[in-house]
Amino acid sequence: MTYANRSARSLPLWTVIGGLIAATLDIAYAITYWGATVGVPAQRILHSVASGLIGREAALAGGAQTAALGLALHYLIALIMAAVYAYAATKLSWMLRRPWLSATLYGLWLFVAMNFIVVPLSRAGGGGIPKDVLWIVLSILVHVCFVAWPIAWCVRHALLPNGAARGR
């Protein structure tokens, strides 16, 4: 199978897989961290995601429905992150040759973009990142290891033919 045939068929599928893995790992981290450290229930974490679209008060008042909205939005955002990475990887060949580097840089960018652009511009209110240093350090690691690396691995799997040289 040629490179073009393989990528045309599998890139969308593997991009979605990467996005789903990233979203699952990321939300599991957030729910676990806030639940274990300060007892925040999972539903409240999902409300905080929904609040970016509908505002804090509406998200909290919506119960299970807005928690479901938050979960759906979280997965949508991760799928968009994966699609952006996949698009970039088709245009910038170094991303396929250096997947660890490109994914690490992308994960760092995602942390900055989410915390200093997306959240402050959303209806969630507030802005910036929590003052909890452990949360900040772990969140940076999660954006790199749990979000960007799985996305990069899946995209690379789709774009490189079997037996291609492994990246550094």
C-alpha atoms as a PDB file:
ATOM      1  CA  MET A   1       0.000   0.000   0.000  1.00  0.00           C
ATOM      2  CA  THR A   2       1.418   3.377  -0.912  1.00  0.00           C
ATOM      3  CA  TYR A   3       1.922   6.254   1.499  1.00  0.00           C
ATOM      4  CA  ALA A   4      -0.840   8.290  -0.169  1.00  0.00           C
ATOM      5  CA  ASN A   5      -3.383   5.478  -0.056  1.00  0.00           C
ATOM      6  CA  ARG A   6      -2.621   4.638   3.537  1.00  0.00           C
ATOM      7  CA  SER A   7      -2.753   8.224   4.794  1.00  0.00           C
ATOM      8  CA  ALA A   8      -5.906   9.072   2.881  1.00  0.00           C
ATOM      9  CA  ARG A   9      -7.763   6.174   4.475  1.00  0.00           C
ATOM     10  CA  SER A  10      -6.386   6.117   7.968  1.00  0.00           C
ATOM     11  CA  LEU A  11      -5.436   9.661   8.973  1.00  0.00           C
ATOM     12  CA  PRO A  12      -8.986  10.721   9.911  1.00  0.00           C
ATOM     13  CA  LEU A  13      -9.536   7.495  11.855  1.00  0.00           C
ATOM     14  CA  TRP A  14      -6.212   7.676  13.710  1.00  0.00           C
ATOM     15  CA  THR A  15      -6.695  11.390  14.383  1.00  0.00           C
ATOM     16  CA  VAL A  16     -10.015  10.613  16.054  1.00  0.00           C
ATOM     17  CA  ILE A  17      -8.433   7.759  18.020  1.00  0.00           C
ATOM     18  CA  GLY A  18      -5.654  10.070  19.200  1.00  0.00           C
ATOM     19  CA  GLY A  19      -8.166  12.721  20.217  1.00  0.00           C
ATOM     20  CA  LEU A  20     -10.310  10.219  22.118  1.00  0.00           C
ATOM     21  CA  ILE A  21      -7.297   8.820  23.974  1.00  0.00           C
ATOM     22  CA  ALA A  22      -6.094  12.322  24.838  1.00  0.00           C
ATOM     23  CA  ALA A  23      -9.533  13.457  26.043  1.00  0.00           C
ATOM     24  CA  THR A  24     -10.002  10.356  28.179  1.00  0.00           C
ATOM     25  CA  LEU A  25      -6.596  10.611  29.840  1.00  0.00           C
ATOM     26  CA  ASP A  26      -6.939  14.351  30.407  1.00  0.00           C
ATOM     27  CA  ILE A  27     -10.405  14.252  31.982  1.00  0.00           C
ATOM     28  CA  ALA A  28      -9.459  11.230  34.093  1.00  0.00           C
ATOM     29  CA  TYR A  29      -6.501  13.240  35.399  1.00  0.00           C
ATOM     30  CA  ALA A  30      -8.615  16.310  36.215  1.00  0.00           C
ATOM     31  CA  ILE A  31     -11.324  14.293  37.954  1.00  0.00           C
ATOM     32  CA  THR A  32      -8.777  12.262  39.907  1.00  0.00           C
ATOM     33  CA  TYR A  33      -6.645  15.231  40.913  1.00  0.00           C
ATOM     34  CA  TRP A  34      -9.451  17.492  42.113  1.00  0.00           C
ATOM     35  CA  GLY A  35     -11.341  14.612  43.690  1.00  0.00           C
ATOM     36  CA  ALA A  36      -8.312  13.343  45.599  1.00  0.00           C
ATOM     37  CA  THR A  37      -6.906  16.708  46.680  1.00  0.00           C
ATOM     38  CA  VAL A  38      -9.992  18.723  47.614  1.00  0.00           C
ATOM     39  CA  GLY A  39     -12.950  16.390  47.203  1.00  0.00           C
ATOM     40  CA  VAL A  40     -14.468  17.998  44.113  1.00  0.00           C
ATOM     41  CA  PRO A  41     -16.992  15.595  42.555  1.00  0.00           C
ATOM     42  CA  ALA A  42     -16.569  14.549  38.916  1.00  0.00           C
ATOM     43  CA  GLN A  43     -19.803  16.254  37.917  1.00  0.00           C
ATOM     44  CA  ARG A  44     -18.429  19.612  39.099  1.00  0.00           C
ATOM     45  CA  ILE A  45     -15.309  19.161  36.933  1.00  0.00           C
ATOM     46  CA  LEU A  46     -17.553  18.599  33.930  1.00  0.00           C
ATOM     47  CA  HIS A  47     -19.637  21.638  34.908  1.00  0.00           C
ATOM     48  CA  SER A  48     -16.467  23.726  34.814  1.00  0.00           C
ATOM     49  CA  VAL A  49     -15.884  22.633  31.210  1.00  0.00           C
ATOM     50  CA  ALA A  50     -19.479  23.463  30.251  1.00  0.00           C
ATOM     51  CA  SER A  51     -19.159  26.855  31.943  1.00  0.00           C
ATOM     52  CA  GLY A  52     -16.826  27.931  29.153  1.00  0.00           C
ATOM     53  CA  LEU A  53     -19.779  27.862  26.785  1.00  0.00           C
ATOM     54  CA  ILE A  54     -22.797  28.642  28.987  1.00  0.00           C
ATOM     55  CA  GLY A  55     -21.330  30.435  31.990  1.00  0.00           C
ATOM     56  CA  ARG A  56     -20.673  29.322  35.548  1.00  0.00           C
ATOM     57  CA  GLU A  57     -24.142  29.787  37.024  1.00  0.00           C
ATOM     58  CA  ALA A  58     -25.920  28.018  34.164  1.00  0.00           C
ATOM     59  CA  ALA A  59     -23.446  25.148  34.250  1.00  0.00           C
ATOM     60  CA  LEU A  60     -23.863  24.616  37.991  1.00  0.00           C
ATOM     61  CA  ALA A  61     -27.654  24.842  37.771  1.00  0.00           C
ATOM     62  CA  GLY A  62     -27.918  22.354  34.932  1.00  0.00           C
ATOM     63  CA  GLY A  63     -27.076  19.191  36.847  1.00  0.00           C
ATOM     64  CA  ALA A  64     -26.414  16.055  34.847  1.00  0.00           C
ATOM     65  CA  GLN A  65     -27.339  17.707  31.553  1.00  0.00           C
ATOM     66  CA  THR A  66     -24.637  20.346  31.797  1.00  0.00           C
ATOM     67  CA  ALA A  67     -22.156  17.756  33.043  1.00  0.00           C
ATOM     68  CA  ALA A  68     -22.884  15.795  29.860  1.00  0.00           C
ATOM     69  CA  LEU A  69     -22.436  18.987  27.846  1.00  0.00           C
ATOM     70  CA  GLY A  70     -19.088  19.540  29.569  1.00  0.00           C
ATOM     71  CA  LEU A  71     -17.972  16.019  28.734  1.00  0.00           C
ATOM     72  CA  ALA A  72     -19.023  16.421  25.098  1.00  0.00           C
ATOM     73  CA  LEU A  73     -17.222  19.771  24.864  1.00  0.00           C
ATOM     74  CA  HIS A  74     -14.099  18.282  26.430  1.00  0.00           C
ATOM     75  CA  TYR A  75     -14.009  15.534  23.798  1.00  0.00           C
ATOM     76  CA  LEU A  76     -14.731  18.020  21.004  1.00  0.00           C
ATOM     77  CA  ILE A  77     -11.832  20.218  22.107  1.00  0.00           C
ATOM     78  CA  ALA A  78      -9.475  17.221  22.195  1.00  0.00           C
ATOM     79  CA  LEU A  79     -10.607  16.148  18.718  1.00  0.00           C
ATOM     80  CA  ILE A  80      -9.899  19.652  17.438  1.00  0.00           C
ATOM     81  CA  MET A  81      -6.451  19.523  19.072  1.00  0.00           C
ATOM     82  CA  ALA A  82      -5.791  16.226  17.315  1.00  0.00           C
ATOM     83  CA  ALA A  83      -7.023  17.564  13.974  1.00  0.00           C
ATOM     84  CA  VAL A  84      -4.758  20.613  14.224  1.00  0.00           C
ATOM     85  CA  TYR A  85      -1.764  18.408  14.994  1.00  0.00           C
ATOM     86  CA  ALA A  86      -2.628  16.033  12.125  1.00  0.00           C
ATOM     87  CA  TYR A  87      -2.973  18.910   9.687  1.00  0.00           C
ATOM     88  CA  ALA A  88       0.347  20.390  10.792  1.00  0.00           C
ATOM     89  CA  ALA A  89       2.056  16.993  10.525  1.00  0.00           C
ATOM     90  CA  THR A  90       0.952  16.681   6.893  1.00  0.00           C
ATOM     91  CA  LYS A  91       2.531  20.059   6.124  1.00  0.00           C
ATOM     92  CA  LEU A  92       5.669  19.910   8.308  1.00  0.00           C
ATOM     93  CA  SER A  93       7.614  16.720   7.710  1.00  0.00           C
ATOM     94  CA  TRP A  94       9.922  17.318  10.703  1.00  0.00           C
ATOM     95  CA  MET A  95       6.942  16.554  12.962  1.00  0.00           C
ATOM     96  CA  LEU A  96       6.945  12.969  11.689  1.00  0.00           C
ATOM     97  CA  ARG A  97      10.716  12.658  11.905  1.00  0.00           C
ATOM     98  CA  ARG A  98      10.864  14.111  15.437  1.00  0.00           C
ATOM     99  CA  PRO A  99       7.563  13.051  17.042  1.00  0.00           C
ATOM    100  CA  TRP A 100       8.721  13.357  20.667  1.00  0.00           C
ATOM    101  CA  LEU A 101       9.999  16.871  20.128  1.00  0.00           C
ATOM    102  CA  SER A 102       7.053  18.055  18.053  1.00  0.00           C
ATOM    103  CA  ALA A 103       4.527  16.539  20.451  1.00  0.00           C
ATOM    104  CA  THR A 104       6.284  17.982  23.487  1.00  0.00           C
ATOM    105  CA  LEU A 105       6.288  21.447  21.936  1.00  0.00           C
ATOM    106  CA  TYR A 106       2.636  21.020  20.960  1.00  0.00           C
ATOM    107  CA  GLY A 107       1.698  19.930  24.479  1.00  0.00           C
ATOM    108  CA  LEU A 108       3.422  22.991  25.946  1.00  0.00           C
ATOM    109  CA  TRP A 109       1.593  25.179  23.442  1.00  0.00           C
ATOM    110  CA  LEU A 110      -1.732  23.533  24.341  1.00  0.00           C
ATOM    111  CA  PHE A 111      -1.185  24.269  28.031  1.00  0.00           C
ATOM    112  CA  VAL A 112      -0.453  27.926  27.285  1.00  0.00           C
ATOM    113  CA  ALA A 113      -3.287  28.270  24.773  1.00  0.00           C
ATOM    114  CA  MET A 114      -5.905  26.676  27.010  1.00  0.00           C
ATOM    115  CA  ASN A 115      -4.931  28.556  30.174  1.00  0.00           C
ATOM    116  CA  PHE A 116      -4.080  31.967  28.766  1.00  0.00           C
ATOM    117  CA  ILE A 117      -6.251  32.250  25.647  1.00  0.00           C
ATOM    118  CA  VAL A 118      -9.194  29.822  25.530  1.00  0.00           C
ATOM    119  CA  VAL A 119     -10.322  29.864  29.176  1.00  0.00           C
ATOM    120  CA  PRO A 120      -9.929  33.632  29.661  1.00  0.00           C
ATOM    121  CA  LEU A 121     -11.913  34.297  26.467  1.00  0.00           C
ATOM    122  CA  SER A 122     -14.642  31.815  27.430  1.00  0.00           C
ATOM    123  CA  ARG A 123     -17.720  32.374  29.587  1.00  0.00           C
ATOM    124  CA  ALA A 124     -16.130  30.389  32.428  1.00  0.00           C
ATOM    125  CA  GLY A 125     -15.115  33.594  34.163  1.00  0.00           C
ATOM    126  CA  GLY A 126     -11.778  34.342  35.633  1.00  0.00           C
ATOM    127  CA  GLY A 127      -8.703  33.449  33.757  1.00  0.00           C
ATOM    128  CA  GLY A 128      -5.238  32.149  34.082  1.00  0.00           C
ATOM    129  CA  ILE A 129      -4.384  29.029  35.973  1.00  0.00           C
ATOM    130  CA  PRO A 130      -5.035  27.968  39.560  1.00  0.00           C
ATOM    131  CA  LYS A 131      -2.396  29.028  42.073  1.00  0.00           C
ATOM    132  CA  ASP A 132      -1.797  25.394  43.072  1.00  0.00           C
ATOM    133  CA  VAL A 133       1.821  24.713  42.013  1.00  0.00           C
ATOM    134  CA  LEU A 134       1.338  20.933  41.956  1.00  0.00           C
ATOM    135  CA  TRP A 135      -1.670  21.360  39.641  1.00  0.00           C
ATOM    136  CA  ILE A 136       0.360  23.588  37.315  1.00  0.00           C
ATOM    137  CA  VAL A 137       3.319  21.193  37.096  1.00  0.00           C
ATOM    138  CA  LEU A 138       1.110  18.140  36.635  1.00  0.00           C
ATOM    139  CA  SER A 139      -1.075  19.942  34.088  1.00  0.00           C
ATOM    140  CA  ILE A 140       1.934  20.804  31.967  1.00  0.00           C
ATOM    141  CA  LEU A 141       3.053  17.170  32.104  1.00  0.00           C
ATOM    142  CA  VAL A 142      -0.465  15.971  31.292  1.00  0.00           C
ATOM    143  CA  HIS A 143      -0.762  18.282  28.278  1.00  0.00           C
ATOM    144  CA  VAL A 144       2.508  16.867  26.984  1.00  0.00           C
ATOM    145  CA  CYS A 145       2.338  13.181  27.991  1.00  0.00           C
ATOM    146  CA  PHE A 146      -1.396  12.440  28.119  1.00  0.00           C
ATOM    147  CA  VAL A 147      -2.633  14.760  25.366  1.00  0.00           C
ATOM    148  CA  ALA A 148       0.052  15.596  22.810  1.00  0.00           C
ATOM    149  CA  TRP A 149       2.044  12.356  22.853  1.00  0.00           C
ATOM    150  CA  PRO A 150      -0.943  10.050  22.168  1.00  0.00           C
ATOM    151  CA  ILE A 151      -2.138  12.385  19.433  1.00  0.00           C
ATOM    152  CA  ALA A 152       1.321  12.457  17.849  1.00  0.00           C
ATOM    153  CA  TRP A 153       1.705   8.691  18.059  1.00  0.00           C
ATOM    154  CA  CYS A 154      -1.666   8.104  16.377  1.00  0.00           C
ATOM    155  CA  VAL A 155      -1.048  10.660  13.627  1.00  0.00           C
ATOM    156  CA  ARG A 156       2.411   9.272  12.965  1.00  0.00           C
ATOM    157  CA  HIS A 157       0.984   5.750  12.851  1.00  0.00           C
ATOM    158  CA  ALA A 158      -1.440   6.876  10.155  1.00  0.00           C
ATOM    159  CA  LEU A 159       1.041   8.825   8.068  1.00  0.00           C
ATOM    160  CA  LEU A 160       4.104   6.605   8.076  1.00  0.00           C
ATOM    161  CA  PRO A 161       4.126   3.324   6.198  1.00  0.00           C
ATOM    162  CA  ASN A 162       4.887   0.131   8.107  1.00  0.00           C
ATOM    163  CA  GLY A 163       8.568  -0.335   8.727  1.00  0.00           C
ATOM    164  CA  ALA A 164       9.351   3.384   8.605  1.00  0.00           C
ATOM    165  CA  ALA A 165      12.267   4.556  10.688  1.00  0.00           C
ATOM    166  CA  ARG A 166      11.366   5.423  14.269  1.00  0.00           C
ATOM    167  CA  GLY A 167      11.665   9.034  15.361  1.00  0.00           C
ATOM    168  CA  ARG A 168      13.883  10.389  18.097  1.00  0.00           C
END
